Amino acid sequence: MTTNDATDDLGDSDESTALSDAQEALEDARRRIADAPAQVVVVNHLMGLYELAAIHLSAVPPKLDDASLAIDALAALVDKLGDRLGDDINTMRDALANIQMVFVQMQAKA
């Protein structure tokens, strides 16, 4: 066995271990999501849309088209899901109103 062969074997072993660790982490994440109520996961995704819109609005210059898409997606889900979001519905409606107001202000400046 040459030095390169030994190095290749170690590289393959490290790669295999990394892949196994990644698969284990993915399975762990899937278990945690499966254990969480769907409402909690959906609200987390809604907050992700809110944050996505905020990121695009804070860009220099603001990316209004991208922010608009994220805001419209947030609005569609909040409006459609309504009370199914449980106690978080008012927070989500307030977040939506806030980001829409910021969007209008940024659009007026553009």
C-alpha atoms as a PDB file:
ATOM      1  CA  MET A   1       0.000   0.000   0.000  1.00  0.00           C
ATOM      2  CA  THR A   2       1.400   3.382  -0.969  1.00  0.00           C
ATOM      3  CA  THR A   3       1.119   6.532   1.108  1.00  0.00           C
ATOM      4  CA  ASN A   4      -1.540   7.857  -1.277  1.00  0.00           C
ATOM      5  CA  ASP A   5      -3.591   4.678  -0.861  1.00  0.00           C
ATOM      6  CA  ALA A   6      -3.455   5.042   2.924  1.00  0.00           C
ATOM      7  CA  THR A   7      -4.465   8.692   2.653  1.00  0.00           C
ATOM      8  CA  ASP A   8      -7.324   7.766   0.319  1.00  0.00           C
ATOM      9  CA  ASP A   9      -8.533   5.124   2.795  1.00  0.00           C
ATOM     10  CA  LEU A  10      -8.452   7.661   5.632  1.00  0.00           C
ATOM     11  CA  GLY A  11     -10.272  10.184   3.462  1.00  0.00           C
ATOM     12  CA  ASP A  12     -12.949   7.623   2.614  1.00  0.00           C
ATOM     13  CA  SER A  13     -13.292   6.742   6.300  1.00  0.00           C
ATOM     14  CA  ASP A  14     -13.609  10.408   7.301  1.00  0.00           C
ATOM     15  CA  GLU A  15     -16.117  10.962   4.512  1.00  0.00           C
ATOM     16  CA  SER A  16     -18.132   7.906   5.580  1.00  0.00           C
ATOM     17  CA  THR A  17     -18.137   9.084   9.205  1.00  0.00           C
ATOM     18  CA  ALA A  18     -19.223  12.580   8.168  1.00  0.00           C
ATOM     19  CA  LEU A  19     -22.034  11.135   6.045  1.00  0.00           C
ATOM     20  CA  SER A  20     -23.159   8.886   8.886  1.00  0.00           C
ATOM     21  CA  ASP A  21     -23.107  11.827  11.319  1.00  0.00           C
ATOM     22  CA  ALA A  22     -25.117  13.958   8.879  1.00  0.00           C
ATOM     23  CA  GLN A  23     -27.695  11.204   8.403  1.00  0.00           C
ATOM     24  CA  GLU A  24     -27.996  10.774  12.167  1.00  0.00           C
ATOM     25  CA  ALA A  25     -28.464  14.518  12.628  1.00  0.00           C
ATOM     26  CA  LEU A  26     -31.125  14.537   9.918  1.00  0.00           C
ATOM     27  CA  GLU A  27     -32.995  11.665  11.551  1.00  0.00           C
ATOM     28  CA  ASP A  28     -32.797  13.446  14.918  1.00  0.00           C
ATOM     29  CA  ALA A  29     -34.228  16.621  13.364  1.00  0.00           C
ATOM     30  CA  ARG A  30     -37.045  14.615  11.758  1.00  0.00           C
ATOM     31  CA  ARG A  31     -37.897  13.026  15.121  1.00  0.00           C
ATOM     32  CA  ARG A  32     -37.998  16.434  16.830  1.00  0.00           C
ATOM     33  CA  ILE A  33     -40.244  17.854  14.098  1.00  0.00           C
ATOM     34  CA  ALA A  34     -42.537  14.821  14.256  1.00  0.00           C
ATOM     35  CA  ASP A  35     -42.831  15.267  18.026  1.00  0.00           C
ATOM     36  CA  ALA A  36     -43.724  18.968  17.742  1.00  0.00           C
ATOM     37  CA  PRO A  37     -47.322  20.034  17.108  1.00  0.00           C
ATOM     38  CA  ALA A  38     -47.779  21.023  13.445  1.00  0.00           C
ATOM     39  CA  GLN A  39     -49.056  24.434  14.556  1.00  0.00           C
ATOM     40  CA  VAL A  40     -45.694  25.209  16.174  1.00  0.00           C
ATOM     41  CA  VAL A  41     -43.751  24.186  13.073  1.00  0.00           C
ATOM     42  CA  VAL A  42     -46.052  26.173  10.764  1.00  0.00           C
ATOM     43  CA  VAL A  43     -45.728  29.304  12.919  1.00  0.00           C
ATOM     44  CA  ASN A  44     -41.933  28.917  12.824  1.00  0.00           C
ATOM     45  CA  HIS A  45     -42.101  28.799   9.037  1.00  0.00           C
ATOM     46  CA  LEU A  46     -44.329  31.877   9.002  1.00  0.00           C
ATOM     47  CA  MET A  47     -41.750  33.713  11.074  1.00  0.00           C
ATOM     48  CA  GLY A  48     -39.169  32.603   8.528  1.00  0.00           C
ATOM     49  CA  LEU A  49     -41.205  34.309   5.788  1.00  0.00           C
ATOM     50  CA  TYR A  50     -41.427  37.441   7.939  1.00  0.00           C
ATOM     51  CA  GLU A  51     -37.662  37.408   8.441  1.00  0.00           C
ATOM     52  CA  LEU A  52     -37.079  36.787   4.735  1.00  0.00           C
ATOM     53  CA  ALA A  53     -39.163  39.858   3.888  1.00  0.00           C
ATOM     54  CA  ALA A  54     -37.292  41.934   6.478  1.00  0.00           C
ATOM     55  CA  ILE A  55     -33.926  40.832   5.055  1.00  0.00           C
ATOM     56  CA  HIS A  56     -34.945  41.890   1.555  1.00  0.00           C
ATOM     57  CA  LEU A  57     -36.335  45.190   2.804  1.00  0.00           C
ATOM     58  CA  SER A  58     -33.106  45.954   4.653  1.00  0.00           C
ATOM     59  CA  ALA A  59     -30.917  45.243   1.628  1.00  0.00           C
ATOM     60  CA  VAL A  60     -29.168  48.200   0.007  1.00  0.00           C
ATOM     61  CA  PRO A  61     -30.955  48.905  -2.198  1.00  0.00           C
ATOM     62  CA  PRO A  62     -34.109  47.181  -0.920  1.00  0.00           C
ATOM     63  CA  LYS A  63     -35.201  44.154  -2.924  1.00  0.00           C
ATOM     64  CA  LEU A  64     -38.871  45.068  -3.101  1.00  0.00           C
ATOM     65  CA  ASP A  65     -39.922  42.281  -5.485  1.00  0.00           C
ATOM     66  CA  ASP A  66     -38.385  39.603  -3.252  1.00  0.00           C
ATOM     67  CA  ALA A  67     -39.850  41.205  -0.120  1.00  0.00           C
ATOM     68  CA  SER A  68     -43.250  41.387  -1.792  1.00  0.00           C
ATOM     69  CA  LEU A  69     -43.208  37.672  -2.570  1.00  0.00           C
ATOM     70  CA  ALA A  70     -42.343  36.766   1.022  1.00  0.00           C
ATOM     71  CA  ILE A  71     -44.999  39.149   2.378  1.00  0.00           C
ATOM     72  CA  ASP A  72     -47.653  37.817   0.005  1.00  0.00           C
ATOM     73  CA  ALA A  73     -46.812  34.235   1.003  1.00  0.00           C
ATOM     74  CA  LEU A  74     -47.038  35.184   4.678  1.00  0.00           C
ATOM     75  CA  ALA A  75     -50.355  36.953   4.106  1.00  0.00           C
ATOM     76  CA  ALA A  76     -51.821  34.038   2.163  1.00  0.00           C
ATOM     77  CA  LEU A  77     -50.983  31.571   4.913  1.00  0.00           C
ATOM     78  CA  VAL A  78     -52.058  33.791   7.798  1.00  0.00           C
ATOM     79  CA  ASP A  79     -55.347  34.627   6.059  1.00  0.00           C
ATOM     80  CA  LYS A  80     -56.058  31.043   5.000  1.00  0.00           C
ATOM     81  CA  LEU A  81     -55.065  29.358   8.256  1.00  0.00           C
ATOM     82  CA  GLY A  82     -56.555  31.945  10.614  1.00  0.00           C
ATOM     83  CA  ASP A  83     -57.596  30.481  13.947  1.00  0.00           C
ATOM     84  CA  ARG A  84     -55.905  27.175  13.122  1.00  0.00           C
ATOM     85  CA  LEU A  85     -52.706  28.958  14.199  1.00  0.00           C
ATOM     86  CA  GLY A  86     -54.040  28.884  17.752  1.00  0.00           C
ATOM     87  CA  ASP A  87     -52.825  31.451  20.249  1.00  0.00           C
ATOM     88  CA  ASP A  88     -50.243  32.691  17.743  1.00  0.00           C
ATOM     89  CA  ILE A  89     -52.796  34.089  15.288  1.00  0.00           C
ATOM     90  CA  ASN A  90     -52.780  37.591  16.781  1.00  0.00           C
ATOM     91  CA  THR A  91     -48.985  37.699  16.843  1.00  0.00           C
ATOM     92  CA  MET A  92     -48.865  36.590  13.223  1.00  0.00           C
ATOM     93  CA  ARG A  93     -51.481  39.147  12.166  1.00  0.00           C
ATOM     94  CA  ASP A  94     -49.522  41.879  13.960  1.00  0.00           C
ATOM     95  CA  ALA A  95     -46.266  40.725  12.326  1.00  0.00           C
ATOM     96  CA  LEU A  96     -47.946  40.732   8.926  1.00  0.00           C
ATOM     97  CA  ALA A  97     -49.368  44.230   9.422  1.00  0.00           C
ATOM     98  CA  ASN A  98     -45.967  45.467  10.583  1.00  0.00           C
ATOM     99  CA  ILE A  99     -44.015  44.101   7.640  1.00  0.00           C
ATOM    100  CA  GLN A 100     -46.668  45.333   5.194  1.00  0.00           C
ATOM    101  CA  MET A 101     -46.378  48.829   6.680  1.00  0.00           C
ATOM    102  CA  VAL A 102     -42.589  48.766   6.375  1.00  0.00           C
ATOM    103  CA  PHE A 103     -42.910  47.576   2.780  1.00  0.00           C
ATOM    104  CA  VAL A 104     -45.238  50.466   1.890  1.00  0.00           C
ATOM    105  CA  GLN A 105     -42.823  52.936   3.505  1.00  0.00           C
ATOM    106  CA  MET A 106     -39.857  51.491   1.635  1.00  0.00           C
ATOM    107  CA  GLN A 107     -41.795  51.417  -1.626  1.00  0.00           C
ATOM    108  CA  ALA A 108     -42.672  55.114  -1.218  1.00  0.00           C
ATOM    109  CA  LYS A 109     -38.951  55.935  -0.862  1.00  0.00           C
ATOM    110  CA  ALA A 110     -38.012  54.001  -4.006  1.00  0.00           C
END
